[in-house]
Amino acid sequence: MKKVFKLEGLDCAHCAAKIEEKISKLEGVKSVVINFMTTKMTLESIDENFEEIVANVKKLINEIEPDVNMVKA
């Protein structure tokens, strides 16, 4: 499954790269791309556990950058 999310409050390109790198290592994630200029993240993962993976992604983002909110685009 592939979905696009908006990362509200993302204001650091280094943080975006760091988040992208960490998410790409999560189990079940096929690919992730964060466009810092549009603050959009495209996430592709296995269908069976998509909601669980999204929850893990949100948790990871909040650990790295607590002021960033992930919402559906």
C-alpha atoms as a PDB file:
ATOM      1  CA  MET A   1       0.000   0.000   0.000  1.00  0.00           C
ATOM      2  CA  LYS A   2       1.232   3.474  -0.841  1.00  0.00           C
ATOM      3  CA  LYS A   3      -0.014   6.683   0.808  1.00  0.00           C
ATOM      4  CA  VAL A   4       1.038  10.318   1.026  1.00  0.00           C
ATOM      5  CA  PHE A   5       1.141  12.162   4.341  1.00  0.00           C
ATOM      6  CA  LYS A   6       1.726  15.807   5.228  1.00  0.00           C
ATOM      7  CA  LEU A   7       4.357  16.492   7.874  1.00  0.00           C
ATOM      8  CA  GLU A   8       3.091  19.641   9.570  1.00  0.00           C
ATOM      9  CA  GLY A   9       5.760  21.580  11.425  1.00  0.00           C
ATOM     10  CA  LEU A  10       8.712  20.074   9.562  1.00  0.00           C
ATOM     11  CA  ASP A  11      11.160  22.962   9.284  1.00  0.00           C
ATOM     12  CA  CYS A  12      14.572  21.320   9.105  1.00  0.00           C
ATOM     13  CA  ALA A  13      16.006  19.561   6.032  1.00  0.00           C
ATOM     14  CA  HIS A  14      18.466  17.631   8.178  1.00  0.00           C
ATOM     15  CA  CYS A  15      15.609  16.364  10.357  1.00  0.00           C
ATOM     16  CA  ALA A  16      13.675  15.322   7.243  1.00  0.00           C
ATOM     17  CA  ALA A  17      16.647  13.284   6.030  1.00  0.00           C
ATOM     18  CA  LYS A  18      17.136  11.745   9.454  1.00  0.00           C
ATOM     19  CA  ILE A  19      13.435  10.801   9.697  1.00  0.00           C
ATOM     20  CA  GLU A  20      13.482   9.322   6.189  1.00  0.00           C
ATOM     21  CA  GLU A  21      16.557   7.222   6.998  1.00  0.00           C
ATOM     22  CA  LYS A  22      15.089   5.845  10.243  1.00  0.00           C
ATOM     23  CA  ILE A  23      11.677   5.065   8.692  1.00  0.00           C
ATOM     24  CA  SER A  24      13.318   3.199   5.812  1.00  0.00           C
ATOM     25  CA  LYS A  25      14.787   0.779   8.371  1.00  0.00           C
ATOM     26  CA  LEU A  26      11.426  -0.085   9.975  1.00  0.00           C
ATOM     27  CA  GLU A  27      10.176  -3.603   9.378  1.00  0.00           C
ATOM     28  CA  GLY A  28       7.514  -3.740   6.657  1.00  0.00           C
ATOM     29  CA  VAL A  29       8.470  -0.445   4.995  1.00  0.00           C
ATOM     30  CA  LYS A  30       9.157  -0.928   1.274  1.00  0.00           C
ATOM     31  CA  SER A  31      10.060   2.691   0.558  1.00  0.00           C
ATOM     32  CA  VAL A  32       9.759   6.168   2.020  1.00  0.00           C
ATOM     33  CA  VAL A  33      10.470   9.550   0.437  1.00  0.00           C
ATOM     34  CA  ILE A  34      10.201  12.859   2.259  1.00  0.00           C
ATOM     35  CA  ASN A  35      10.062  15.995   0.139  1.00  0.00           C
ATOM     36  CA  PHE A  36      11.219  18.762   2.468  1.00  0.00           C
ATOM     37  CA  MET A  37      10.029  21.567   0.161  1.00  0.00           C
ATOM     38  CA  THR A  38       6.418  20.312   0.134  1.00  0.00           C
ATOM     39  CA  THR A  39       6.668  18.668   3.579  1.00  0.00           C
ATOM     40  CA  LYS A  40       5.080  15.538   2.128  1.00  0.00           C
ATOM     41  CA  MET A  41       6.056  11.971   2.847  1.00  0.00           C
ATOM     42  CA  THR A  42       5.247   9.098   0.504  1.00  0.00           C
ATOM     43  CA  LEU A  43       5.176   5.811   2.381  1.00  0.00           C
ATOM     44  CA  GLU A  44       4.926   2.388   0.788  1.00  0.00           C
ATOM     45  CA  SER A  45       4.651  -0.724   2.927  1.00  0.00           C
ATOM     46  CA  ILE A  46       3.128  -4.165   3.081  1.00  0.00           C
ATOM     47  CA  ASP A  47      -0.686  -4.092   3.075  1.00  0.00           C
ATOM     48  CA  GLU A  48      -1.344  -6.525   5.933  1.00  0.00           C
ATOM     49  CA  ASN A  49       0.211  -4.372   8.658  1.00  0.00           C
ATOM     50  CA  PHE A  50      -0.199  -0.904   7.153  1.00  0.00           C
ATOM     51  CA  GLU A  51      -1.990   0.681  10.133  1.00  0.00           C
ATOM     52  CA  GLU A  52       0.554  -0.767  12.573  1.00  0.00           C
ATOM     53  CA  ILE A  53       3.422   0.501  10.412  1.00  0.00           C
ATOM     54  CA  VAL A  54       1.851   3.981  10.244  1.00  0.00           C
ATOM     55  CA  ALA A  55       1.578   4.001  14.056  1.00  0.00           C
ATOM     56  CA  ASN A  56       5.263   3.047  14.321  1.00  0.00           C
ATOM     57  CA  VAL A  57       6.195   5.777  11.819  1.00  0.00           C
ATOM     58  CA  LYS A  58       4.282   8.400  13.848  1.00  0.00           C
ATOM     59  CA  LYS A  59       6.020   7.276  17.028  1.00  0.00           C
ATOM     60  CA  LEU A  60       9.439   7.430  15.383  1.00  0.00           C
ATOM     61  CA  ILE A  61       8.780  10.909  13.955  1.00  0.00           C
ATOM     62  CA  ASN A  62       7.739  12.179  17.397  1.00  0.00           C
ATOM     63  CA  GLU A  63      10.907  10.744  18.955  1.00  0.00           C
ATOM     64  CA  ILE A  64      13.096  12.587  16.432  1.00  0.00           C
ATOM     65  CA  GLU A  65      11.059  15.776  16.007  1.00  0.00           C
ATOM     66  CA  PRO A  66       8.301  16.196  18.656  1.00  0.00           C
ATOM     67  CA  ASP A  67       6.806  19.288  16.966  1.00  0.00           C
ATOM     68  CA  VAL A  68       5.987  17.468  13.702  1.00  0.00           C
ATOM     69  CA  ASN A  69       2.469  16.135  13.136  1.00  0.00           C
ATOM     70  CA  MET A  70       1.812  13.493  10.499  1.00  0.00           C
ATOM     71  CA  VAL A  71      -1.581  13.847   8.798  1.00  0.00           C
ATOM     72  CA  LYS A  72      -3.110  12.342   5.674  1.00  0.00           C
ATOM     73  CA  ALA A  73      -2.524  14.535   2.653  1.00  0.00           C
END
